[in-house]
Amino acid sequence: MTLETPALGLLLDVDGPIADPVTRTIAIPSIAADLVALANAGIPIAFNTGRSDGFLKGEVVGPLVDGGLNRDARVFGVCEKGAVWFAITPDGAGELFMAESLVPTKEFSTAVERMVDERFAEWMFFDHTKRASLAVEQRTDVESTDYLAVQDDFCRAAVDLCKEFDYGVMWRTDSFPASDGSVTKRIDPTIISVDIESIVVGKDYGAERAIALIEATGPVPRRWHTVGDSRTDYAMADWLHAHDFDVEHVDVRPADGLLEKPYPVLTAADPAQTNDAAGAAFLRTWATDLLGA
């Protein structure tokens, strides 16, 4: 039987649009319900996140399974910005795959963890769930303003540590200089964490991975919505647009400043709706428009 090409595909960041950035859980029930309804109707969905597979399994997979995800739904977790991936099924998370060449050395990982414990443990913790990158995260008992006040200090220390290990390193900005091969690591801060990662990975790399996974399981839609809460998330839509897909990007935290792009950039109709509240509103609209739900 030949499958019909779906009318739409969804490529979603997790922190912000899906998970509350404070509780780091799916706090709005309609989010999981609408994701399941869309997936069960044949809409392919990929979560394209910098988070670990452990986080996605713990906070996202369960609500989808509990919500009645169908056997033929095409849903994927693409973690650590494309370096780790798995299918999400009614039985939970499928077989885990990883880009082994991107895994950091044990010596470097240990040095980063030691630096966190000795200098920054008051505000952040080392994320032991990451496989192909290193990350520190804001402690949940620490106010965002207090964490962000020391985040740059950590980034500078991380740059120095990379140099001690002879890694060419860049502190991520909105645009990257061309690499001559000497730069191998990237310091990438978000509102609740900092990733120390290979320059290979990114939300564009994750988008490429997601499309490959979807293509391997059936037709790939030409029309896509990407959703994110930071400027780096625009790279998902950039990749899709560059590969001739019809894409609209939803920015659920536009206070950082909207980027001018050759594709539509959408924000919530209600300016007070941000993060997962905005994500929930868009999912509700798409479910209603496509399914009459």
C-alpha atoms as a PDB file:
ATOM      1  CA  MET A   1       0.000   0.000   0.000  1.00  0.00           C
ATOM      2  CA  THR A   2       1.340   3.428  -0.968  1.00  0.00           C
ATOM      3  CA  LEU A   3       1.137   5.985   1.828  1.00  0.00           C
ATOM      4  CA  GLU A   4      -0.212   9.422   1.032  1.00  0.00           C
ATOM      5  CA  THR A   5       2.128  12.365   1.480  1.00  0.00           C
ATOM      6  CA  PRO A   6       1.144  14.136   4.705  1.00  0.00           C
ATOM      7  CA  ALA A   7      -0.144  17.686   4.496  1.00  0.00           C
ATOM      8  CA  LEU A   8       2.301  18.906   7.127  1.00  0.00           C
ATOM      9  CA  GLY A   9       5.347  17.996   9.179  1.00  0.00           C
ATOM     10  CA  LEU A  10       6.404  19.356  12.572  1.00  0.00           C
ATOM     11  CA  LEU A  11       9.967  19.934  13.747  1.00  0.00           C
ATOM     12  CA  LEU A  12       9.893  21.020  17.377  1.00  0.00           C
ATOM     13  CA  ASP A  13      12.355  22.252  19.938  1.00  0.00           C
ATOM     14  CA  VAL A  14      11.438  20.925  23.403  1.00  0.00           C
ATOM     15  CA  ASP A  15      12.504  23.419  26.091  1.00  0.00           C
ATOM     16  CA  GLY A  16      10.154  26.359  25.742  1.00  0.00           C
ATOM     17  CA  PRO A  17       7.638  25.324  23.071  1.00  0.00           C
ATOM     18  CA  ILE A  18       6.779  21.921  24.602  1.00  0.00           C
ATOM     19  CA  ALA A  19       8.255  21.772  28.107  1.00  0.00           C
ATOM     20  CA  ASP A  20       7.876  24.583  30.619  1.00  0.00           C
ATOM     21  CA  PRO A  21      11.356  26.170  30.929  1.00  0.00           C
ATOM     22  CA  VAL A  22      10.975  26.409  34.719  1.00  0.00           C
ATOM     23  CA  THR A  23       9.516  22.998  35.638  1.00  0.00           C
ATOM     24  CA  ARG A  24      11.040  21.364  32.516  1.00  0.00           C
ATOM     25  CA  THR A  25       7.960  19.188  32.131  1.00  0.00           C
ATOM     26  CA  ILE A  26       4.961  19.155  29.796  1.00  0.00           C
ATOM     27  CA  ALA A  27       2.811  21.273  32.081  1.00  0.00           C
ATOM     28  CA  ILE A  28      -0.091  22.026  29.694  1.00  0.00           C
ATOM     29  CA  PRO A  29      -2.173  18.863  29.065  1.00  0.00           C
ATOM     30  CA  SER A  30      -3.377  19.923  25.616  1.00  0.00           C
ATOM     31  CA  ILE A  31       0.201  19.808  24.283  1.00  0.00           C
ATOM     32  CA  ALA A  32       0.539  16.025  24.581  1.00  0.00           C
ATOM     33  CA  ALA A  33      -3.075  15.485  23.484  1.00  0.00           C
ATOM     34  CA  ASP A  34      -2.658  17.554  20.319  1.00  0.00           C
ATOM     35  CA  LEU A  35       0.732  16.017  19.497  1.00  0.00           C
ATOM     36  CA  VAL A  36      -0.803  12.530  19.731  1.00  0.00           C
ATOM     37  CA  ALA A  37      -3.829  13.536  17.661  1.00  0.00           C
ATOM     38  CA  LEU A  38      -1.645  15.014  14.914  1.00  0.00           C
ATOM     39  CA  ALA A  39       0.765  12.054  14.907  1.00  0.00           C
ATOM     40  CA  ASN A  40      -2.082   9.543  14.806  1.00  0.00           C
ATOM     41  CA  ALA A  41      -3.533  11.426  11.824  1.00  0.00           C
ATOM     42  CA  GLY A  42      -0.305  10.837   9.880  1.00  0.00           C
ATOM     43  CA  ILE A  43       1.563  14.069  10.593  1.00  0.00           C
ATOM     44  CA  PRO A  44       5.265  13.221  11.076  1.00  0.00           C
ATOM     45  CA  ILE A  45       6.755  14.853  14.171  1.00  0.00           C
ATOM     46  CA  ALA A  46      10.389  15.150  15.215  1.00  0.00           C
ATOM     47  CA  PHE A  47      11.599  16.690  18.458  1.00  0.00           C
ATOM     48  CA  ASN A  48      14.836  18.452  17.550  1.00  0.00           C
ATOM     49  CA  THR A  49      16.457  19.290  20.863  1.00  0.00           C
ATOM     50  CA  GLY A  50      19.797  19.911  22.479  1.00  0.00           C
ATOM     51  CA  ARG A  51      18.532  17.837  25.379  1.00  0.00           C
ATOM     52  CA  SER A  52      19.642  14.283  26.082  1.00  0.00           C
ATOM     53  CA  ASP A  53      17.689  11.183  25.187  1.00  0.00           C
ATOM     54  CA  GLY A  54      17.238  10.627  28.927  1.00  0.00           C
ATOM     55  CA  PHE A  55      15.413  13.931  29.292  1.00  0.00           C
ATOM     56  CA  LEU A  56      13.208  13.276  26.279  1.00  0.00           C
ATOM     57  CA  LYS A  57      12.370   9.777  27.500  1.00  0.00           C
ATOM     58  CA  GLY A  58      11.606  11.059  30.977  1.00  0.00           C
ATOM     59  CA  GLU A  59       9.510  14.099  30.110  1.00  0.00           C
ATOM     60  CA  VAL A  60       8.069  13.669  26.600  1.00  0.00           C
ATOM     61  CA  VAL A  61       7.822  10.000  25.626  1.00  0.00           C
ATOM     62  CA  GLY A  62       5.621   9.008  28.564  1.00  0.00           C
ATOM     63  CA  PRO A  63       2.853  11.565  27.942  1.00  0.00           C
ATOM     64  CA  LEU A  64       2.715  10.581  24.253  1.00  0.00           C
ATOM     65  CA  VAL A  65       2.468   6.877  25.063  1.00  0.00           C
ATOM     66  CA  ASP A  66      -0.118   7.534  27.761  1.00  0.00           C
ATOM     67  CA  GLY A  67      -2.047   9.691  25.298  1.00  0.00           C
ATOM     68  CA  GLY A  68      -2.616   6.741  22.952  1.00  0.00           C
ATOM     69  CA  LEU A  69       0.071   7.047  20.296  1.00  0.00           C
ATOM     70  CA  ASN A  70      -0.732   4.695  17.401  1.00  0.00           C
ATOM     71  CA  ARG A  71       1.552   1.983  16.070  1.00  0.00           C
ATOM     72  CA  ASP A  72       1.813   3.650  12.650  1.00  0.00           C
ATOM     73  CA  ALA A  73       2.539   7.158  13.966  1.00  0.00           C
ATOM     74  CA  ARG A  74       5.876   8.570  12.804  1.00  0.00           C
ATOM     75  CA  VAL A  75       7.423  10.345  15.782  1.00  0.00           C
ATOM     76  CA  PHE A  76      11.145  10.707  16.463  1.00  0.00           C
ATOM     77  CA  GLY A  77      13.431  12.090  19.110  1.00  0.00           C
ATOM     78  CA  VAL A  78      16.510  13.828  17.706  1.00  0.00           C
ATOM     79  CA  CYS A  79      18.669  14.756  20.676  1.00  0.00           C
ATOM     80  CA  GLU A  80      21.881  16.662  21.311  1.00  0.00           C
ATOM     81  CA  LYS A  81      21.261  18.656  18.116  1.00  0.00           C
ATOM     82  CA  GLY A  82      21.367  15.657  15.803  1.00  0.00           C
ATOM     83  CA  ALA A  83      23.997  13.475  17.483  1.00  0.00           C
ATOM     84  CA  VAL A  84      21.569  11.012  19.146  1.00  0.00           C
ATOM     85  CA  TRP A  85      18.247   9.723  17.831  1.00  0.00           C
ATOM     86  CA  PHE A  86      15.466   7.166  18.298  1.00  0.00           C
ATOM     87  CA  ALA A  87      11.879   6.455  17.279  1.00  0.00           C
ATOM     88  CA  ILE A  88       8.995   7.027  19.686  1.00  0.00           C
ATOM     89  CA  THR A  89       6.421   4.225  19.587  1.00  0.00           C
ATOM     90  CA  PRO A  90       3.423   3.036  21.660  1.00  0.00           C
ATOM     91  CA  ASP A  91       5.950   0.895  23.530  1.00  0.00           C
ATOM     92  CA  GLY A  92       8.093   3.917  24.402  1.00  0.00           C
ATOM     93  CA  ALA A  93      11.528   4.842  23.074  1.00  0.00           C
ATOM     94  CA  GLY A  94      12.920   2.621  20.347  1.00  0.00           C
ATOM     95  CA  GLU A  95      16.510   1.616  19.683  1.00  0.00           C
ATOM     96  CA  LEU A  96      19.022   4.374  20.402  1.00  0.00           C
ATOM     97  CA  PHE A  97      21.499   5.484  17.736  1.00  0.00           C
ATOM     98  CA  MET A  98      24.440   7.837  18.154  1.00  0.00           C
ATOM     99  CA  ALA A  99      27.148   9.556  16.104  1.00  0.00           C
ATOM    100  CA  GLU A 100      30.065   7.895  17.899  1.00  0.00           C
ATOM    101  CA  SER A 101      32.675  10.175  16.342  1.00  0.00           C
ATOM    102  CA  LEU A 102      31.235  13.159  18.239  1.00  0.00           C
ATOM    103  CA  VAL A 103      31.564  11.678  21.730  1.00  0.00           C
ATOM    104  CA  PRO A 104      33.944  13.757  23.938  1.00  0.00           C
ATOM    105  CA  THR A 105      36.938  12.143  25.576  1.00  0.00           C
ATOM    106  CA  LYS A 106      36.624  10.953  29.161  1.00  0.00           C
ATOM    107  CA  GLU A 107      39.477  13.253  30.204  1.00  0.00           C
ATOM    108  CA  PHE A 108      37.770  16.359  28.857  1.00  0.00           C
ATOM    109  CA  SER A 109      34.414  15.373  30.324  1.00  0.00           C
ATOM    110  CA  THR A 110      35.998  14.842  33.738  1.00  0.00           C
ATOM    111  CA  ALA A 111      37.741  18.219  33.574  1.00  0.00           C
ATOM    112  CA  VAL A 112      34.494  20.046  32.773  1.00  0.00           C
ATOM    113  CA  GLU A 113      32.663  18.288  35.602  1.00  0.00           C
ATOM    114  CA  ARG A 114      35.445  19.135  38.046  1.00  0.00           C
ATOM    115  CA  MET A 115      35.308  22.785  37.014  1.00  0.00           C
ATOM    116  CA  VAL A 116      31.559  22.888  37.629  1.00  0.00           C
ATOM    117  CA  ASP A 117      31.888  21.239  41.046  1.00  0.00           C
ATOM    118  CA  GLU A 118      34.742  23.480  42.178  1.00  0.00           C
ATOM    119  CA  ARG A 119      33.631  26.850  40.826  1.00  0.00           C
ATOM    120  CA  PHE A 120      29.980  26.890  39.738  1.00  0.00           C
ATOM    121  CA  ALA A 121      28.071  24.307  41.804  1.00  0.00           C
ATOM    122  CA  GLU A 122      26.134  27.054  43.610  1.00  0.00           C
ATOM    123  CA  TRP A 123      24.260  27.870  40.393  1.00  0.00           C
ATOM    124  CA  MET A 124      24.472  24.892  38.032  1.00  0.00           C
ATOM    125  CA  PHE A 125      25.085  21.175  37.750  1.00  0.00           C
ATOM    126  CA  PHE A 126      26.854  18.872  35.293  1.00  0.00           C
ATOM    127  CA  ASP A 127      24.406  16.929  33.106  1.00  0.00           C
ATOM    128  CA  HIS A 128      25.385  13.253  33.249  1.00  0.00           C
ATOM    129  CA  THR A 129      22.722  12.221  30.721  1.00  0.00           C
ATOM    130  CA  LYS A 130      24.463  13.703  27.678  1.00  0.00           C
ATOM    131  CA  ARG A 131      26.238  11.205  25.398  1.00  0.00           C
ATOM    132  CA  ALA A 132      27.805  13.134  22.490  1.00  0.00           C
ATOM    133  CA  SER A 133      28.244  16.545  24.087  1.00  0.00           C
ATOM    134  CA  LEU A 134      28.776  18.093  27.508  1.00  0.00           C
ATOM    135  CA  ALA A 135      26.302  20.331  29.278  1.00  0.00           C
ATOM    136  CA  VAL A 136      25.720  22.192  32.495  1.00  0.00           C
ATOM    137  CA  GLU A 137      22.273  23.272  33.585  1.00  0.00           C
ATOM    138  CA  GLN A 138      20.736  25.806  35.941  1.00  0.00           C
ATOM    139  CA  ARG A 139      19.805  24.305  39.289  1.00  0.00           C
ATOM    140  CA  THR A 140      16.030  24.277  39.780  1.00  0.00           C
ATOM    141  CA  ASP A 141      16.412  25.906  43.204  1.00  0.00           C
ATOM    142  CA  VAL A 142      18.270  28.883  41.704  1.00  0.00           C
ATOM    143  CA  GLU A 143      16.555  31.953  40.290  1.00  0.00           C
ATOM    144  CA  SER A 144      17.019  32.539  36.573  1.00  0.00           C
ATOM    145  CA  THR A 145      18.522  35.984  37.138  1.00  0.00           C
ATOM    146  CA  ASP A 146      21.123  34.553  39.521  1.00  0.00           C
ATOM    147  CA  TYR A 147      22.056  31.787  37.097  1.00  0.00           C
ATOM    148  CA  LEU A 148      22.286  34.101  34.099  1.00  0.00           C
ATOM    149  CA  ALA A 149      24.464  36.499  36.094  1.00  0.00           C
ATOM    150  CA  VAL A 150      27.241  33.878  36.216  1.00  0.00           C
ATOM    151  CA  GLN A 151      26.622  32.141  32.902  1.00  0.00           C
ATOM    152  CA  ASP A 152      29.128  34.265  30.988  1.00  0.00           C
ATOM    153  CA  ASP A 153      31.747  33.526  33.640  1.00  0.00           C
ATOM    154  CA  PHE A 154      31.222  29.825  33.062  1.00  0.00           C
ATOM    155  CA  CYS A 155      31.420  30.261  29.284  1.00  0.00           C
ATOM    156  CA  ARG A 156      34.745  32.080  29.593  1.00  0.00           C
ATOM    157  CA  ALA A 157      36.075  29.342  31.862  1.00  0.00           C
ATOM    158  CA  ALA A 158      34.876  26.707  29.405  1.00  0.00           C
ATOM    159  CA  VAL A 159      36.683  28.469  26.551  1.00  0.00           C
ATOM    160  CA  ASP A 160      39.894  28.491  28.595  1.00  0.00           C
ATOM    161  CA  LEU A 161      39.489  24.801  29.420  1.00  0.00           C
ATOM    162  CA  CYS A 162      38.984  23.906  25.758  1.00  0.00           C
ATOM    163  CA  LYS A 163      42.201  25.713  24.932  1.00  0.00           C
ATOM    164  CA  GLU A 164      44.026  23.753  27.647  1.00  0.00           C
ATOM    165  CA  PHE A 165      42.989  20.597  25.768  1.00  0.00           C
ATOM    166  CA  ASP A 166      44.128  22.132  22.445  1.00  0.00           C
ATOM    167  CA  TYR A 167      40.587  22.381  21.102  1.00  0.00           C
ATOM    168  CA  GLY A 168      39.910  25.264  18.795  1.00  0.00           C
ATOM    169  CA  VAL A 169      36.781  26.776  20.318  1.00  0.00           C
ATOM    170  CA  MET A 170      34.141  29.348  19.504  1.00  0.00           C
ATOM    171  CA  TRP A 171      31.614  30.968  21.801  1.00  0.00           C
ATOM    172  CA  ARG A 172      28.397  30.777  19.843  1.00  0.00           C
ATOM    173  CA  THR A 173      26.877  33.933  18.371  1.00  0.00           C
ATOM    174  CA  ASP A 174      24.114  34.501  15.837  1.00  0.00           C
ATOM    175  CA  SER A 175      26.520  33.856  12.966  1.00  0.00           C
ATOM    176  CA  PHE A 176      29.611  31.676  12.797  1.00  0.00           C
ATOM    177  CA  PRO A 177      32.914  32.405  11.106  1.00  0.00           C
ATOM    178  CA  ALA A 178      34.012  29.925   8.486  1.00  0.00           C
ATOM    179  CA  SER A 179      36.051  27.186  10.098  1.00  0.00           C
ATOM    180  CA  ASP A 180      39.501  26.441   8.714  1.00  0.00           C
ATOM    181  CA  GLY A 181      39.466  23.131  10.537  1.00  0.00           C
ATOM    182  CA  SER A 182      41.107  24.456  13.684  1.00  0.00           C
ATOM    183  CA  VAL A 183      37.804  25.134  15.454  1.00  0.00           C
ATOM    184  CA  THR A 184      36.286  21.888  16.726  1.00  0.00           C
ATOM    185  CA  LYS A 185      34.245  22.908  19.800  1.00  0.00           C
ATOM    186  CA  ARG A 186      31.388  25.335  20.321  1.00  0.00           C
ATOM    187  CA  ILE A 187      30.196  26.929  23.566  1.00  0.00           C
ATOM    188  CA  ASP A 188      26.425  27.360  23.197  1.00  0.00           C
ATOM    189  CA  PRO A 189      24.489  29.041  26.053  1.00  0.00           C
ATOM    190  CA  THR A 190      20.689  28.978  26.403  1.00  0.00           C
ATOM    191  CA  ILE A 191      18.464  30.542  29.055  1.00  0.00           C
ATOM    192  CA  ILE A 192      18.879  27.500  31.347  1.00  0.00           C
ATOM    193  CA  SER A 193      22.071  25.740  30.227  1.00  0.00           C
ATOM    194  CA  VAL A 194      25.370  25.768  28.374  1.00  0.00           C
ATOM    195  CA  ASP A 195      26.394  23.102  25.866  1.00  0.00           C
ATOM    196  CA  ILE A 196      30.003  22.309  25.004  1.00  0.00           C
ATOM    197  CA  GLU A 197      29.675  20.510  21.719  1.00  0.00           C
ATOM    198  CA  SER A 198      31.202  19.605  18.387  1.00  0.00           C
ATOM    199  CA  ILE A 199      30.806  22.287  15.738  1.00  0.00           C
ATOM    200  CA  VAL A 200      29.239  19.570  13.568  1.00  0.00           C
ATOM    201  CA  VAL A 201      25.990  19.521  15.547  1.00  0.00           C
ATOM    202  CA  GLY A 202      23.270  22.147  15.504  1.00  0.00           C
ATOM    203  CA  LYS A 203      19.582  22.577  14.910  1.00  0.00           C
ATOM    204  CA  ASP A 204      20.247  22.421  11.158  1.00  0.00           C
ATOM    205  CA  TYR A 205      22.133  19.129  11.613  1.00  0.00           C
ATOM    206  CA  GLY A 206      19.220  17.898  13.704  1.00  0.00           C
ATOM    207  CA  ALA A 207      16.762  18.918  10.987  1.00  0.00           C
ATOM    208  CA  GLU A 208      18.736  16.975   8.396  1.00  0.00           C
ATOM    209  CA  ARG A 209      18.723  13.950  10.709  1.00  0.00           C
ATOM    210  CA  ALA A 210      14.965  14.264  11.278  1.00  0.00           C
ATOM    211  CA  ILE A 211      14.138  14.423   7.577  1.00  0.00           C
ATOM    212  CA  ALA A 212      16.273  11.329   6.931  1.00  0.00           C
ATOM    213  CA  LEU A 213      14.420   9.418   9.647  1.00  0.00           C
ATOM    214  CA  ILE A 214      11.041  10.437   8.295  1.00  0.00           C
ATOM    215  CA  GLU A 215      12.056   9.677   4.704  1.00  0.00           C
ATOM    216  CA  ALA A 216      13.092   6.151   5.749  1.00  0.00           C
ATOM    217  CA  THR A 217       9.581   5.453   7.045  1.00  0.00           C
ATOM    218  CA  GLY A 218       7.394   6.964   4.325  1.00  0.00           C
ATOM    219  CA  PRO A 219       6.613  10.094   2.314  1.00  0.00           C
ATOM    220  CA  VAL A 220       8.067  13.402   3.448  1.00  0.00           C
ATOM    221  CA  PRO A 221       5.679  16.371   3.460  1.00  0.00           C
ATOM    222  CA  ARG A 222       6.671  19.468   1.530  1.00  0.00           C
ATOM    223  CA  ARG A 223       5.104  21.816   4.088  1.00  0.00           C
ATOM    224  CA  TRP A 224       6.649  22.221   7.544  1.00  0.00           C
ATOM    225  CA  HIS A 225       6.236  24.149  10.748  1.00  0.00           C
ATOM    226  CA  THR A 226       9.321  24.558  12.938  1.00  0.00           C
ATOM    227  CA  VAL A 227       8.956  25.809  16.497  1.00  0.00           C
ATOM    228  CA  GLY A 228      11.591  27.156  18.870  1.00  0.00           C
ATOM    229  CA  ASP A 229      12.309  29.624  21.657  1.00  0.00           C
ATOM    230  CA  SER A 230      15.745  30.923  20.669  1.00  0.00           C
ATOM    231  CA  ARG A 231      17.517  32.384  17.681  1.00  0.00           C
ATOM    232  CA  THR A 232      19.496  29.184  17.147  1.00  0.00           C
ATOM    233  CA  ASP A 233      16.216  27.337  16.511  1.00  0.00           C
ATOM    234  CA  TYR A 234      15.756  29.280  13.271  1.00  0.00           C
ATOM    235  CA  ALA A 235      18.439  26.987  11.824  1.00  0.00           C
ATOM    236  CA  MET A 236      15.801  24.239  11.543  1.00  0.00           C
ATOM    237  CA  ALA A 237      13.766  26.374   9.178  1.00  0.00           C
ATOM    238  CA  ASP A 238      16.920  27.618   7.428  1.00  0.00           C
ATOM    239  CA  TRP A 239      17.844  24.040   6.521  1.00  0.00           C
ATOM    240  CA  LEU A 240      14.346  23.183   5.311  1.00  0.00           C
ATOM    241  CA  HIS A 241      14.110  26.367   3.249  1.00  0.00           C
ATOM    242  CA  ALA A 242      17.544  25.743   1.708  1.00  0.00           C
ATOM    243  CA  HIS A 243      16.338  22.287   0.644  1.00  0.00           C
ATOM    244  CA  ASP A 244      13.213  23.649  -1.058  1.00  0.00           C
ATOM    245  CA  PHE A 245      10.664  22.804   1.601  1.00  0.00           C
ATOM    246  CA  ASP A 246       7.779  25.178   2.307  1.00  0.00           C
ATOM    247  CA  VAL A 247       8.406  26.231   5.912  1.00  0.00           C
ATOM    248  CA  GLU A 248       7.015  28.590   8.517  1.00  0.00           C
ATOM    249  CA  HIS A 249       8.921  29.144  11.751  1.00  0.00           C
ATOM    250  CA  VAL A 250       7.200  29.853  15.060  1.00  0.00           C
ATOM    251  CA  ASP A 251       9.189  31.863  17.609  1.00  0.00           C
ATOM    252  CA  VAL A 252       7.609  31.366  21.047  1.00  0.00           C
ATOM    253  CA  ARG A 253       9.975  33.796  22.792  1.00  0.00           C
ATOM    254  CA  PRO A 254      10.170  36.788  20.426  1.00  0.00           C
ATOM    255  CA  ALA A 255      11.466  39.157  23.111  1.00  0.00           C
ATOM    256  CA  ASP A 256      14.989  38.178  22.066  1.00  0.00           C
ATOM    257  CA  GLY A 257      14.266  39.800  18.702  1.00  0.00           C
ATOM    258  CA  LEU A 258      12.778  38.282  15.571  1.00  0.00           C
ATOM    259  CA  LEU A 259      15.148  37.444  12.741  1.00  0.00           C
ATOM    260  CA  GLU A 260      14.450  38.530   9.175  1.00  0.00           C
ATOM    261  CA  LYS A 261      14.127  35.417   7.030  1.00  0.00           C
ATOM    262  CA  PRO A 262      13.003  34.510   3.502  1.00  0.00           C
ATOM    263  CA  TYR A 263      10.209  32.412   5.014  1.00  0.00           C
ATOM    264  CA  PRO A 264       7.344  33.441   7.325  1.00  0.00           C
ATOM    265  CA  VAL A 265       8.163  33.883  11.011  1.00  0.00           C
ATOM    266  CA  LEU A 266       5.117  33.613  13.289  1.00  0.00           C
ATOM    267  CA  THR A 267       4.475  34.616  16.887  1.00  0.00           C
ATOM    268  CA  ALA A 268       1.492  34.089  19.172  1.00  0.00           C
ATOM    269  CA  ALA A 269      -1.485  36.349  18.546  1.00  0.00           C
ATOM    270  CA  ASP A 270      -1.518  37.175  22.247  1.00  0.00           C
ATOM    271  CA  PRO A 271       1.824  38.796  23.175  1.00  0.00           C
ATOM    272  CA  ALA A 272       1.385  37.521  26.736  1.00  0.00           C
ATOM    273  CA  GLN A 273       1.598  33.949  25.467  1.00  0.00           C
ATOM    274  CA  THR A 274       5.223  32.784  25.379  1.00  0.00           C
ATOM    275  CA  ASN A 275       7.127  29.500  25.684  1.00  0.00           C
ATOM    276  CA  ASP A 276       4.854  26.470  26.196  1.00  0.00           C
ATOM    277  CA  ALA A 277       1.702  28.617  26.344  1.00  0.00           C
ATOM    278  CA  ALA A 278       2.462  29.813  22.815  1.00  0.00           C
ATOM    279  CA  GLY A 279       3.441  26.300  21.736  1.00  0.00           C
ATOM    280  CA  ALA A 280       0.163  24.938  23.068  1.00  0.00           C
ATOM    281  CA  ALA A 281      -1.825  27.615  21.236  1.00  0.00           C
ATOM    282  CA  PHE A 282      -0.201  26.836  17.888  1.00  0.00           C
ATOM    283  CA  LEU A 283      -0.605  23.070  18.327  1.00  0.00           C
ATOM    284  CA  ARG A 284      -4.288  23.599  19.172  1.00  0.00           C
ATOM    285  CA  THR A 285      -4.741  25.700  16.028  1.00  0.00           C
ATOM    286  CA  TRP A 286      -3.038  23.146  13.788  1.00  0.00           C
ATOM    287  CA  ALA A 287      -5.002  20.249  15.277  1.00  0.00           C
ATOM    288  CA  THR A 288      -8.231  22.168  14.770  1.00  0.00           C
ATOM    289  CA  ASP A 289      -7.399  23.234  11.212  1.00  0.00           C
ATOM    290  CA  LEU A 290      -6.161  19.809  10.088  1.00  0.00           C
ATOM    291  CA  LEU A 291      -8.343  17.487  12.094  1.00  0.00           C
ATOM    292  CA  GLY A 292     -11.289  19.529  13.204  1.00  0.00           C
ATOM    293  CA  ALA A 293     -10.295  18.517  16.728  1.00  0.00           C
END
